[in-house]
C-alpha cells in the first residue's frame, strides 16, 4: 500500500520520501564542472541505476485513428 492520499501506479524515484539525488560530479576532477552549470552524467553503461523510461506511456491520442 502507498502512503495515504498518494495513490497511483507512477513512481517518482526522486520524489519526497526517497533518497536524495546522487551527485553526478562525483569522481570528476575539481573545477571540471563550473558552479551552477547544467551537467549530463556520462560513463560506462550500467554504472548507475537507469532512470524511468520516458516511453512508458503511449502518446496522447494514440488510440484515435482519426486524429
C-alpha atoms as a PDB file:
ATOM      1  CA  UNK A   1       0.000   0.000   0.000  1.00  0.00           C
ATOM      2  CA  UNK A   2       1.143   3.530  -0.721  1.00  0.00           C
ATOM      3  CA  UNK A   3       1.039   6.467   1.606  1.00  0.00           C
ATOM      4  CA  UNK A   4      -2.397   7.807   2.483  1.00  0.00           C
ATOM      5  CA  UNK A   5      -3.533  10.217  -0.230  1.00  0.00           C
ATOM      6  CA  UNK A   6      -0.709   9.276  -2.584  1.00  0.00           C
ATOM      7  CA  UNK A   7      -2.273   6.512  -4.668  1.00  0.00           C
ATOM      8  CA  UNK A   8      -1.488   5.652  -8.240  1.00  0.00           C
ATOM      9  CA  UNK A   9       0.852   3.483 -10.229  1.00  0.00           C
ATOM     10  CA  UNK A  10       3.518   6.011 -11.277  1.00  0.00           C
ATOM     11  CA  UNK A  11       6.575   6.209  -9.037  1.00  0.00           C
ATOM     12  CA  UNK A  12       8.937   9.166  -8.795  1.00  0.00           C
ATOM     13  CA  UNK A  13      12.308   7.831  -7.573  1.00  0.00           C
ATOM     14  CA  UNK A  14      13.397  11.356  -6.650  1.00  0.00           C
ATOM     15  CA  UNK A  15      10.092  12.414  -5.037  1.00  0.00           C
ATOM     16  CA  UNK A  16       9.594  13.267  -1.370  1.00  0.00           C
ATOM     17  CA  UNK A  17      10.408  10.434   0.987  1.00  0.00           C
ATOM     18  CA  UNK A  18      13.013   8.835  -1.276  1.00  0.00           C
ATOM     19  CA  UNK A  19      16.781   9.070  -1.264  1.00  0.00           C
ATOM     20  CA  UNK A  20      18.347  12.372  -2.383  1.00  0.00           C
ATOM     21  CA  UNK A  21      19.615  12.688  -5.941  1.00  0.00           C
ATOM     22  CA  UNK A  22      23.140  11.374  -6.386  1.00  0.00           C
ATOM     23  CA  UNK A  23      25.809  13.954  -7.154  1.00  0.00           C
ATOM     24  CA  UNK A  24      26.702  13.416 -10.844  1.00  0.00           C
ATOM     25  CA  UNK A  25      30.069  15.152 -10.418  1.00  0.00           C
ATOM     26  CA  UNK A  26      31.482  12.504  -8.049  1.00  0.00           C
ATOM     27  CA  UNK A  27      34.710  11.136  -9.495  1.00  0.00           C
ATOM     28  CA  UNK A  28      35.477  14.180 -11.667  1.00  0.00           C
ATOM     29  CA  UNK A  29      38.493  16.422 -11.074  1.00  0.00           C
ATOM     30  CA  UNK A  30      37.777  19.634  -9.123  1.00  0.00           C
ATOM     31  CA  UNK A  31      36.790  22.528 -11.390  1.00  0.00           C
ATOM     32  CA  UNK A  32      35.709  20.337 -14.308  1.00  0.00           C
ATOM     33  CA  UNK A  33      32.058  21.403 -13.895  1.00  0.00           C
ATOM     34  CA  UNK A  34      31.541  25.135 -13.166  1.00  0.00           C
ATOM     35  CA  UNK A  35      29.180  26.018 -10.283  1.00  0.00           C
ATOM     36  CA  UNK A  36      25.560  26.248 -11.469  1.00  0.00           C
ATOM     37  CA  UNK A  37      26.288  24.579 -14.824  1.00  0.00           C
ATOM     38  CA  UNK A  38      23.862  22.047 -16.277  1.00  0.00           C
ATOM     39  CA  UNK A  39      25.600  18.694 -16.380  1.00  0.00           C
ATOM     40  CA  UNK A  40      24.672  15.398 -18.027  1.00  0.00           C
ATOM     41  CA  UNK A  41      26.407  12.486 -16.310  1.00  0.00           C
ATOM     42  CA  UNK A  42      28.479  10.222 -18.519  1.00  0.00           C
ATOM     43  CA  UNK A  43      30.367   6.998 -18.157  1.00  0.00           C
ATOM     44  CA  UNK A  44      30.205   3.326 -18.990  1.00  0.00           C
ATOM     45  CA  UNK A  45      26.707   1.910 -19.452  1.00  0.00           C
ATOM     46  CA  UNK A  46      25.302   0.199 -16.402  1.00  0.00           C
ATOM     47  CA  UNK A  47      27.409   2.180 -13.954  1.00  0.00           C
ATOM     48  CA  UNK A  48      24.272   3.771 -12.469  1.00  0.00           C
ATOM     49  CA  UNK A  49      20.706   2.659 -11.973  1.00  0.00           C
ATOM     50  CA  UNK A  50      18.734   3.539 -15.101  1.00  0.00           C
ATOM     51  CA  UNK A  51      16.118   6.264 -14.757  1.00  0.00           C
ATOM     52  CA  UNK A  52      12.461   5.847 -15.644  1.00  0.00           C
ATOM     53  CA  UNK A  53      11.747   5.068 -19.288  1.00  0.00           C
ATOM     54  CA  UNK A  54      10.196   8.186 -20.903  1.00  0.00           C
ATOM     55  CA  UNK A  55       8.256   5.947 -23.303  1.00  0.00           C
ATOM     56  CA  UNK A  56       6.352   4.000 -20.655  1.00  0.00           C
ATOM     57  CA  UNK A  57       3.065   5.672 -21.683  1.00  0.00           C
ATOM     58  CA  UNK A  58       1.661   5.984 -25.222  1.00  0.00           C
ATOM     59  CA  UNK A  59       1.413   9.495 -26.700  1.00  0.00           C
ATOM     60  CA  UNK A  60      -1.880  11.419 -26.350  1.00  0.00           C
ATOM     61  CA  UNK A  61      -4.420  10.360 -28.956  1.00  0.00           C
ATOM     62  CA  UNK A  62      -2.631   7.075 -29.633  1.00  0.00           C
ATOM     63  CA  UNK A  63      -5.916   5.151 -29.864  1.00  0.00           C
ATOM     64  CA  UNK A  64      -7.675   7.790 -32.026  1.00  0.00           C
ATOM     65  CA  UNK A  65      -7.201   6.706 -35.646  1.00  0.00           C
ATOM     66  CA  UNK A  66      -8.839   9.947 -36.904  1.00  0.00           C
ATOM     67  CA  UNK A  67      -6.506  12.305 -35.055  1.00  0.00           C
END
